[in-house]
Amino acid sequence: MKCKNCDVTLRTDFLYCPACGAKVIRNRITVRNLWVDILERYFNLDNTFVNTFVHLITKPEVVIEGYIQGLRRKYLNPISYLAISLTLSGFIVFLMSKLMGQINFDIFNTGANSVAQEKMMDVVFDIQALVFVLYIPIMAIAGWLCFDQKKYNFSERTVIFMYTLAQYSLSIFLPAVVILIVAPQAYAPFSLLTVAFMFLYAGYVIMRISKSRGISLISRIFIFYLILGVLYMVTSSIIPLIMFITGNLELQDFAPVKN
């Protein structure tokens, strides 16, 4: 018998491969052992996903700087972690598209929505993964002053904010699903709170990683928020601008439509 993963010859009584550590699978896949495999792979307390999620809350500097300095096996790499968060955020977008008629985007109670809102939301739904990923380099640019004492380059800052945005997305997943199912009309105000949470969590990560302290740290985080806020607004205006250029959006679309 040979290991399916590394081709090493195994004894018939082996449960795990002594060379690569892979579990020896003898039975056909069933629904039960498929679920067991998923639970063991992603929700075991010793699992890298659980460790990564918990430690990005309690000690993000250990996870992020560990990866930058060469640590690979203890935590999920940023690309895999980001992929999981994108998958789950895709499920949220799916729920939103199904419940669109019940979501109230009139956050300030003006009593009206607009055709432009609906058109732009349709586009955002189609490219939500691209929009999400686009914020990673934006945050990396905004954070260039925050880590000057450690001299992190753009790629290293990109790693920092890949973990940051993925953690933010995973943290809001369950509350977002609950609100969409239980009270979809409250999702728009909730989404504003999640943006505030994203800014706060990014500041927390910077605080834990940066060597600056006191006034120097506060001023750097403030500058980060300022640059990020400007870039966030500029990026948010790209979609309607492109829609105007292509003729998919017109000025009359912004006219309020009473509910």
C-alpha atoms as a PDB file:
ATOM      1  CA  MET A   1       0.000   0.000   0.000  1.00  0.00           C
ATOM      2  CA  LYS A   2       1.282   3.470  -0.894  1.00  0.00           C
ATOM      3  CA  CYS A   3       0.514   6.902   0.546  1.00  0.00           C
ATOM      4  CA  LYS A   4      -1.811   8.782  -1.807  1.00  0.00           C
ATOM      5  CA  ASN A   5      -0.031  12.061  -1.010  1.00  0.00           C
ATOM      6  CA  CYS A   6       3.706  11.284  -1.109  1.00  0.00           C
ATOM      7  CA  ASP A   7       3.893   7.770  -2.626  1.00  0.00           C
ATOM      8  CA  VAL A   8       5.794   6.289   0.334  1.00  0.00           C
ATOM      9  CA  THR A   9       5.152   2.571   0.949  1.00  0.00           C
ATOM     10  CA  LEU A  10       2.987   2.008   4.047  1.00  0.00           C
ATOM     11  CA  ARG A  11       2.277  -0.939   6.274  1.00  0.00           C
ATOM     12  CA  THR A  12      -1.334  -2.070   6.247  1.00  0.00           C
ATOM     13  CA  ASP A  13      -1.820  -1.192   9.940  1.00  0.00           C
ATOM     14  CA  PHE A  14      -0.708   2.437   9.533  1.00  0.00           C
ATOM     15  CA  LEU A  15      -3.350   5.087  10.268  1.00  0.00           C
ATOM     16  CA  TYR A  16      -1.097   7.980   9.226  1.00  0.00           C
ATOM     17  CA  CYS A  17       1.804   8.263   6.807  1.00  0.00           C
ATOM     18  CA  PRO A  18       5.094   8.508   8.777  1.00  0.00           C
ATOM     19  CA  ALA A  19       6.641  10.584   5.974  1.00  0.00           C
ATOM     20  CA  CYS A  20       4.075  13.337   5.351  1.00  0.00           C
ATOM     21  CA  GLY A  21       1.613  12.855   8.225  1.00  0.00           C
ATOM     22  CA  ALA A  22      -1.427  12.419   5.969  1.00  0.00           C
ATOM     23  CA  LYS A  23      -4.297  10.304   7.272  1.00  0.00           C
ATOM     24  CA  VAL A  24      -4.715   6.928   5.551  1.00  0.00           C
ATOM     25  CA  ILE A  25      -8.154   6.799   3.891  1.00  0.00           C
ATOM     26  CA  ARG A  26      -9.505   3.305   3.308  1.00  0.00           C
ATOM     27  CA  ASN A  27     -13.260   3.828   2.976  1.00  0.00           C
ATOM     28  CA  ARG A  28     -15.307   5.522   0.280  1.00  0.00           C
ATOM     29  CA  ILE A  29     -16.504   9.064   0.897  1.00  0.00           C
ATOM     30  CA  THR A  30     -19.866   9.375   2.657  1.00  0.00           C
ATOM     31  CA  VAL A  31     -21.777  12.418   3.858  1.00  0.00           C
ATOM     32  CA  ARG A  32     -20.782  11.581   7.435  1.00  0.00           C
ATOM     33  CA  ASN A  33     -17.033  11.303   6.899  1.00  0.00           C
ATOM     34  CA  LEU A  34     -17.128  14.334   4.600  1.00  0.00           C
ATOM     35  CA  TRP A  35     -18.557  16.406   7.466  1.00  0.00           C
ATOM     36  CA  VAL A  36     -16.030  14.919   9.894  1.00  0.00           C
ATOM     37  CA  ASP A  37     -13.227  15.896   7.529  1.00  0.00           C
ATOM     38  CA  ILE A  38     -14.560  19.462   7.209  1.00  0.00           C
ATOM     39  CA  LEU A  39     -14.930  19.841  10.984  1.00  0.00           C
ATOM     40  CA  GLU A  40     -11.462  18.441  11.638  1.00  0.00           C
ATOM     41  CA  ARG A  41      -9.880  20.549   8.929  1.00  0.00           C
ATOM     42  CA  TYR A  42     -11.446  23.898   9.781  1.00  0.00           C
ATOM     43  CA  PHE A  43     -12.892  23.828  13.304  1.00  0.00           C
ATOM     44  CA  ASN A  44     -10.536  21.659  15.343  1.00  0.00           C
ATOM     45  CA  LEU A  45      -9.077  23.668  18.241  1.00  0.00           C
ATOM     46  CA  ASP A  46      -5.581  22.772  17.050  1.00  0.00           C
ATOM     47  CA  ASN A  47      -6.427  23.737  13.485  1.00  0.00           C
ATOM     48  CA  THR A  48      -4.579  26.516  11.719  1.00  0.00           C
ATOM     49  CA  PHE A  49      -7.829  28.282  10.731  1.00  0.00           C
ATOM     50  CA  VAL A  50      -9.077  28.498  14.321  1.00  0.00           C
ATOM     51  CA  ASN A  51      -5.633  29.535  15.570  1.00  0.00           C
ATOM     52  CA  THR A  52      -5.390  32.191  12.883  1.00  0.00           C
ATOM     53  CA  PHE A  53      -8.847  33.622  13.609  1.00  0.00           C
ATOM     54  CA  VAL A  54      -8.417  33.693  17.396  1.00  0.00           C
ATOM     55  CA  HIS A  55      -4.869  35.042  17.367  1.00  0.00           C
ATOM     56  CA  LEU A  56      -5.712  37.772  14.854  1.00  0.00           C
ATOM     57  CA  ILE A  57      -8.017  39.042  17.593  1.00  0.00           C
ATOM     58  CA  THR A  58      -5.773  38.503  20.614  1.00  0.00           C
ATOM     59  CA  LYS A  59      -2.278  38.923  19.146  1.00  0.00           C
ATOM     60  CA  PRO A  60      -2.381  39.911  15.462  1.00  0.00           C
ATOM     61  CA  GLU A  61       1.274  40.926  15.492  1.00  0.00           C
ATOM     62  CA  VAL A  62       2.298  37.302  16.148  1.00  0.00           C
ATOM     63  CA  VAL A  63       0.335  35.991  13.153  1.00  0.00           C
ATOM     64  CA  ILE A  64       1.219  38.756  10.706  1.00  0.00           C
ATOM     65  CA  GLU A  65       4.846  39.372  11.606  1.00  0.00           C
ATOM     66  CA  GLY A  66       5.339  35.631  11.939  1.00  0.00           C
ATOM     67  CA  TYR A  67       4.337  35.165   8.302  1.00  0.00           C
ATOM     68  CA  ILE A  68       6.479  38.091   7.145  1.00  0.00           C
ATOM     69  CA  GLN A  69       9.471  36.614   8.987  1.00  0.00           C
ATOM     70  CA  GLY A  70       8.983  33.108   7.572  1.00  0.00           C
ATOM     71  CA  LEU A  71       6.489  31.297   9.853  1.00  0.00           C
ATOM     72  CA  ARG A  72       4.341  29.079   7.631  1.00  0.00           C
ATOM     73  CA  ARG A  73       2.831  26.023   9.336  1.00  0.00           C
ATOM     74  CA  LYS A  74       1.255  27.411  12.515  1.00  0.00           C
ATOM     75  CA  TYR A  75      -1.178  29.825  10.823  1.00  0.00           C
ATOM     76  CA  LEU A  76      -3.042  29.982   7.525  1.00  0.00           C
ATOM     77  CA  ASN A  77      -1.218  31.980   4.884  1.00  0.00           C
ATOM     78  CA  PRO A  78      -2.882  35.299   3.950  1.00  0.00           C
ATOM     79  CA  ILE A  79      -4.010  34.136   0.505  1.00  0.00           C
ATOM     80  CA  SER A  80      -5.840  31.068   1.859  1.00  0.00           C
ATOM     81  CA  TYR A  81      -7.336  33.117   4.691  1.00  0.00           C
ATOM     82  CA  LEU A  82      -8.494  35.767   2.228  1.00  0.00           C
ATOM     83  CA  ALA A  83      -9.986  33.093  -0.038  1.00  0.00           C
ATOM     84  CA  ILE A  84     -12.126  31.763   2.833  1.00  0.00           C
ATOM     85  CA  SER A  85     -13.337  35.272   3.667  1.00  0.00           C
ATOM     86  CA  LEU A  86     -14.191  35.963   0.009  1.00  0.00           C
ATOM     87  CA  THR A  87     -16.185  32.735  -0.177  1.00  0.00           C
ATOM     88  CA  LEU A  88     -18.237  33.660   2.884  1.00  0.00           C
ATOM     89  CA  SER A  89     -18.719  37.261   1.753  1.00  0.00           C
ATOM     90  CA  GLY A  90     -19.998  35.849  -1.543  1.00  0.00           C
ATOM     91  CA  PHE A  91     -22.701  34.049   0.447  1.00  0.00           C
ATOM     92  CA  ILE A  92     -23.681  37.359   2.071  1.00  0.00           C
ATOM     93  CA  VAL A  93     -23.948  38.976  -1.360  1.00  0.00           C
ATOM     94  CA  PHE A  94     -26.127  36.063  -2.480  1.00  0.00           C
ATOM     95  CA  LEU A  95     -28.457  36.632   0.494  1.00  0.00           C
ATOM     96  CA  MET A  96     -28.557  40.366  -0.219  1.00  0.00           C
ATOM     97  CA  SER A  97     -29.505  39.765  -3.845  1.00  0.00           C
ATOM     98  CA  LYS A  98     -32.359  37.497  -2.742  1.00  0.00           C
ATOM     99  CA  LEU A  99     -33.587  39.962  -0.114  1.00  0.00           C
ATOM    100  CA  MET A 100     -32.971  43.171  -2.056  1.00  0.00           C
ATOM    101  CA  GLY A 101     -36.620  44.192  -1.951  1.00  0.00           C
ATOM    102  CA  GLN A 102     -36.620  44.064   1.861  1.00  0.00           C
ATOM    103  CA  ILE A 103     -33.363  45.962   2.457  1.00  0.00           C
ATOM    104  CA  ASN A 104     -33.959  49.628   3.174  1.00  0.00           C
ATOM    105  CA  PHE A 105     -31.100  51.734   1.783  1.00  0.00           C
ATOM    106  CA  ASP A 106     -32.798  54.929   2.955  1.00  0.00           C
ATOM    107  CA  ILE A 107     -30.546  55.127   6.021  1.00  0.00           C
ATOM    108  CA  PHE A 108     -31.370  58.751   6.827  1.00  0.00           C
ATOM    109  CA  ASN A 109     -35.155  58.279   6.576  1.00  0.00           C
ATOM    110  CA  THR A 110     -35.713  60.644   3.667  1.00  0.00           C
ATOM    111  CA  GLY A 111     -38.557  58.425   2.524  1.00  0.00           C
ATOM    112  CA  ALA A 112     -37.026  57.866  -0.893  1.00  0.00           C
ATOM    113  CA  ASN A 113     -34.583  55.665  -2.742  1.00  0.00           C
ATOM    114  CA  SER A 114     -33.249  56.174  -6.266  1.00  0.00           C
ATOM    115  CA  VAL A 115     -32.811  54.204  -9.458  1.00  0.00           C
ATOM    116  CA  ALA A 116     -29.088  54.985  -9.242  1.00  0.00           C
ATOM    117  CA  GLN A 117     -28.849  53.079  -5.955  1.00  0.00           C
ATOM    118  CA  GLU A 118     -30.359  49.979  -7.508  1.00  0.00           C
ATOM    119  CA  LYS A 119     -28.145  50.146 -10.597  1.00  0.00           C
ATOM    120  CA  MET A 120     -24.958  50.621  -8.581  1.00  0.00           C
ATOM    121  CA  MET A 121     -25.848  47.829  -6.172  1.00  0.00           C
ATOM    122  CA  ASP A 122     -26.369  45.472  -9.113  1.00  0.00           C
ATOM    123  CA  VAL A 123     -22.848  46.261 -10.340  1.00  0.00           C
ATOM    124  CA  VAL A 124     -21.337  45.901  -6.855  1.00  0.00           C
ATOM    125  CA  PHE A 125     -22.980  42.490  -6.480  1.00  0.00           C
ATOM    126  CA  ASP A 126     -21.348  41.363  -9.725  1.00  0.00           C
ATOM    127  CA  ILE A 127     -17.831  42.525  -8.804  1.00  0.00           C
ATOM    128  CA  GLN A 128     -17.894  42.391  -4.997  1.00  0.00           C
ATOM    129  CA  ALA A 129     -14.789  40.177  -4.783  1.00  0.00           C
ATOM    130  CA  LEU A 130     -12.810  42.573  -6.981  1.00  0.00           C
ATOM    131  CA  VAL A 131     -13.947  45.581  -4.933  1.00  0.00           C
ATOM    132  CA  PHE A 132     -12.991  43.813  -1.696  1.00  0.00           C
ATOM    133  CA  VAL A 133      -9.524  42.871  -2.965  1.00  0.00           C
ATOM    134  CA  LEU A 134      -8.989  46.395  -4.305  1.00  0.00           C
ATOM    135  CA  TYR A 135      -9.073  47.770  -0.761  1.00  0.00           C
ATOM    136  CA  ILE A 136      -5.965  45.748   0.174  1.00  0.00           C
ATOM    137  CA  PRO A 137      -3.468  47.837  -1.840  1.00  0.00           C
ATOM    138  CA  ILE A 138      -5.402  50.965  -0.856  1.00  0.00           C
ATOM    139  CA  MET A 139      -4.825  50.175   2.829  1.00  0.00           C
ATOM    140  CA  ALA A 140      -1.206  49.258   2.084  1.00  0.00           C
ATOM    141  CA  ILE A 141      -0.710  52.695   0.521  1.00  0.00           C
ATOM    142  CA  ALA A 142      -2.476  54.436   3.421  1.00  0.00           C
ATOM    143  CA  GLY A 143      -0.294  52.576   5.937  1.00  0.00           C
ATOM    144  CA  TRP A 144       3.085  53.573   4.506  1.00  0.00           C
ATOM    145  CA  LEU A 145       3.847  55.926   7.447  1.00  0.00           C
ATOM    146  CA  CYS A 146       2.659  53.562  10.173  1.00  0.00           C
ATOM    147  CA  PHE A 147       5.516  51.074  10.022  1.00  0.00           C
ATOM    148  CA  ASP A 148       8.432  53.295   8.987  1.00  0.00           C
ATOM    149  CA  GLN A 149      10.584  52.162  11.925  1.00  0.00           C
ATOM    150  CA  LYS A 150      10.256  48.555  10.750  1.00  0.00           C
ATOM    151  CA  LYS A 151      10.724  49.611   7.123  1.00  0.00           C
ATOM    152  CA  TYR A 152       8.065  47.284   5.735  1.00  0.00           C
ATOM    153  CA  ASN A 153       7.896  47.445   1.951  1.00  0.00           C
ATOM    154  CA  PHE A 154       4.668  47.554  -0.065  1.00  0.00           C
ATOM    155  CA  SER A 155       4.426  43.753  -0.376  1.00  0.00           C
ATOM    156  CA  GLU A 156       4.841  43.298   3.385  1.00  0.00           C
ATOM    157  CA  ARG A 157       2.217  45.952   4.086  1.00  0.00           C
ATOM    158  CA  THR A 158      -0.031  44.137   1.608  1.00  0.00           C
ATOM    159  CA  VAL A 159       0.317  40.974   3.728  1.00  0.00           C
ATOM    160  CA  ILE A 160      -0.596  42.976   6.842  1.00  0.00           C
ATOM    161  CA  PHE A 161      -3.805  44.270   5.315  1.00  0.00           C
ATOM    162  CA  MET A 162      -4.727  41.001   3.593  1.00  0.00           C
ATOM    163  CA  TYR A 163      -4.935  39.469   7.050  1.00  0.00           C
ATOM    164  CA  THR A 164      -6.687  42.595   8.377  1.00  0.00           C
ATOM    165  CA  LEU A 165      -9.441  42.694   5.751  1.00  0.00           C
ATOM    166  CA  ALA A 166      -9.936  38.923   5.790  1.00  0.00           C
ATOM    167  CA  GLN A 167     -10.328  38.990   9.583  1.00  0.00           C
ATOM    168  CA  TYR A 168     -12.769  41.887   9.345  1.00  0.00           C
ATOM    169  CA  SER A 169     -14.855  40.005   6.771  1.00  0.00           C
ATOM    170  CA  LEU A 170     -14.892  36.772   8.787  1.00  0.00           C
ATOM    171  CA  SER A 171     -15.760  38.636  12.009  1.00  0.00           C
ATOM    172  CA  ILE A 172     -18.875  40.259  10.555  1.00  0.00           C
ATOM    173  CA  PHE A 173     -20.057  37.162   8.662  1.00  0.00           C
ATOM    174  CA  LEU A 174     -22.357  35.628  11.304  1.00  0.00           C
ATOM    175  CA  PRO A 175     -23.901  38.945  12.465  1.00  0.00           C
ATOM    176  CA  ALA A 176     -24.508  39.892   8.819  1.00  0.00           C
ATOM    177  CA  VAL A 177     -26.242  36.594   8.054  1.00  0.00           C
ATOM    178  CA  VAL A 178     -28.414  36.845  11.173  1.00  0.00           C
ATOM    179  CA  ILE A 179     -29.479  40.418  10.378  1.00  0.00           C
ATOM    180  CA  LEU A 180     -30.212  39.599   6.737  1.00  0.00           C
ATOM    181  CA  ILE A 181     -32.415  36.671   7.753  1.00  0.00           C
ATOM    182  CA  VAL A 182     -34.101  38.186  10.822  1.00  0.00           C
ATOM    183  CA  ALA A 183     -34.262  41.918  10.027  1.00  0.00           C
ATOM    184  CA  PRO A 184     -33.127  42.662   6.445  1.00  0.00           C
ATOM    185  CA  GLN A 185     -34.495  46.193   6.663  1.00  0.00           C
ATOM    186  CA  ALA A 186     -31.774  46.957   9.234  1.00  0.00           C
ATOM    187  CA  TYR A 187     -28.890  45.746   7.083  1.00  0.00           C
ATOM    188  CA  ALA A 188     -27.971  49.138   5.586  1.00  0.00           C
ATOM    189  CA  PRO A 189     -27.375  50.810   9.003  1.00  0.00           C
ATOM    190  CA  PHE A 190     -25.503  47.669  10.078  1.00  0.00           C
ATOM    191  CA  SER A 191     -23.241  47.937   7.023  1.00  0.00           C
ATOM    192  CA  LEU A 192     -22.258  51.461   8.095  1.00  0.00           C
ATOM    193  CA  LEU A 193     -21.266  50.103  11.498  1.00  0.00           C
ATOM    194  CA  THR A 194     -19.158  47.421   9.836  1.00  0.00           C
ATOM    195  CA  VAL A 195     -17.219  50.093   7.922  1.00  0.00           C
ATOM    196  CA  ALA A 196     -16.478  51.796  11.253  1.00  0.00           C
ATOM    197  CA  PHE A 197     -15.424  48.416  12.654  1.00  0.00           C
ATOM    198  CA  MET A 198     -13.063  47.924   9.696  1.00  0.00           C
ATOM    199  CA  PHE A 199     -11.359  51.255  10.428  1.00  0.00           C
ATOM    200  CA  LEU A 200     -11.110  50.484  14.155  1.00  0.00           C
ATOM    201  CA  TYR A 201      -9.736  46.979  13.639  1.00  0.00           C
ATOM    202  CA  ALA A 202      -7.164  48.271  11.143  1.00  0.00           C
ATOM    203  CA  GLY A 203      -6.078  50.829  13.750  1.00  0.00           C
ATOM    204  CA  TYR A 204      -5.828  48.063  16.358  1.00  0.00           C
ATOM    205  CA  VAL A 205      -3.595  45.980  14.068  1.00  0.00           C
ATOM    206  CA  ILE A 206      -1.374  48.987  13.382  1.00  0.00           C
ATOM    207  CA  MET A 207      -1.118  49.672  17.121  1.00  0.00           C
ATOM    208  CA  ARG A 208      -0.046  46.073  17.818  1.00  0.00           C
ATOM    209  CA  ILE A 209       2.529  45.934  15.015  1.00  0.00           C
ATOM    210  CA  SER A 210       3.976  49.450  14.990  1.00  0.00           C
ATOM    211  CA  LYS A 211       6.950  50.293  17.198  1.00  0.00           C
ATOM    212  CA  SER A 212       5.635  53.833  17.659  1.00  0.00           C
ATOM    213  CA  ARG A 213       3.965  54.724  20.939  1.00  0.00           C
ATOM    214  CA  GLY A 214       2.093  57.633  22.508  1.00  0.00           C
ATOM    215  CA  ILE A 215       1.482  60.764  20.431  1.00  0.00           C
ATOM    216  CA  SER A 216       3.591  59.402  17.582  1.00  0.00           C
ATOM    217  CA  LEU A 217       1.385  56.301  17.288  1.00  0.00           C
ATOM    218  CA  ILE A 218      -1.865  58.274  17.563  1.00  0.00           C
ATOM    219  CA  SER A 219      -0.758  60.738  14.885  1.00  0.00           C
ATOM    220  CA  ARG A 220       0.279  57.911  12.538  1.00  0.00           C
ATOM    221  CA  ILE A 221      -3.053  56.132  12.958  1.00  0.00           C
ATOM    222  CA  PHE A 222      -4.868  59.434  12.389  1.00  0.00           C
ATOM    223  CA  ILE A 223      -2.913  60.008   9.162  1.00  0.00           C
ATOM    224  CA  PHE A 224      -3.697  56.417   8.146  1.00  0.00           C
ATOM    225  CA  TYR A 225      -7.429  57.036   8.704  1.00  0.00           C
ATOM    226  CA  LEU A 226      -7.233  60.315   6.777  1.00  0.00           C
ATOM    227  CA  ILE A 227      -5.467  58.807   3.759  1.00  0.00           C
ATOM    228  CA  LEU A 228      -7.653  55.690   3.846  1.00  0.00           C
ATOM    229  CA  GLY A 229     -10.817  57.798   4.068  1.00  0.00           C
ATOM    230  CA  VAL A 230      -9.819  59.865   1.030  1.00  0.00           C
ATOM    231  CA  LEU A 231      -8.807  56.790  -0.987  1.00  0.00           C
ATOM    232  CA  TYR A 232     -11.996  55.000   0.121  1.00  0.00           C
ATOM    233  CA  MET A 233     -14.173  57.844  -1.193  1.00  0.00           C
ATOM    234  CA  VAL A 234     -12.171  58.136  -4.421  1.00  0.00           C
ATOM    235  CA  THR A 235     -12.443  54.385  -5.022  1.00  0.00           C
ATOM    236  CA  SER A 236     -16.160  54.402  -4.208  1.00  0.00           C
ATOM    237  CA  SER A 237     -16.700  57.056  -6.880  1.00  0.00           C
ATOM    238  CA  ILE A 238     -15.021  54.960  -9.600  1.00  0.00           C
ATOM    239  CA  ILE A 239     -18.022  52.674 -10.157  1.00  0.00           C
ATOM    240  CA  PRO A 240     -20.608  55.466 -10.742  1.00  0.00           C
ATOM    241  CA  LEU A 241     -18.052  57.349 -12.873  1.00  0.00           C
ATOM    242  CA  ILE A 242     -17.514  54.332 -15.140  1.00  0.00           C
ATOM    243  CA  MET A 243     -21.280  53.805 -15.302  1.00  0.00           C
ATOM    244  CA  PHE A 244     -21.721  57.446 -16.385  1.00  0.00           C
ATOM    245  CA  ILE A 245     -19.065  57.092 -19.089  1.00  0.00           C
ATOM    246  CA  THR A 246     -20.584  53.877 -20.428  1.00  0.00           C
ATOM    247  CA  GLY A 247     -24.111  55.306 -20.357  1.00  0.00           C
ATOM    248  CA  ASN A 248     -25.415  52.848 -17.763  1.00  0.00           C
ATOM    249  CA  LEU A 249     -26.116  55.678 -15.321  1.00  0.00           C
ATOM    250  CA  GLU A 250     -27.755  59.044 -15.970  1.00  0.00           C
ATOM    251  CA  LEU A 251     -28.401  62.133 -13.858  1.00  0.00           C
ATOM    252  CA  GLN A 252     -32.140  61.483 -13.720  1.00  0.00           C
ATOM    253  CA  ASP A 253     -31.420  58.137 -12.066  1.00  0.00           C
ATOM    254  CA  PHE A 254     -30.505  60.052  -8.900  1.00  0.00           C
ATOM    255  CA  ALA A 255     -34.002  61.530  -8.645  1.00  0.00           C
ATOM    256  CA  PRO A 256     -35.668  60.213  -5.467  1.00  0.00           C
ATOM    257  CA  VAL A 257     -38.334  57.570  -5.898  1.00  0.00           C
ATOM    258  CA  LYS A 258     -40.822  57.496  -3.057  1.00  0.00           C
ATOM    259  CA  ASN A 259     -41.260  54.106  -1.378  1.00  0.00           C
END
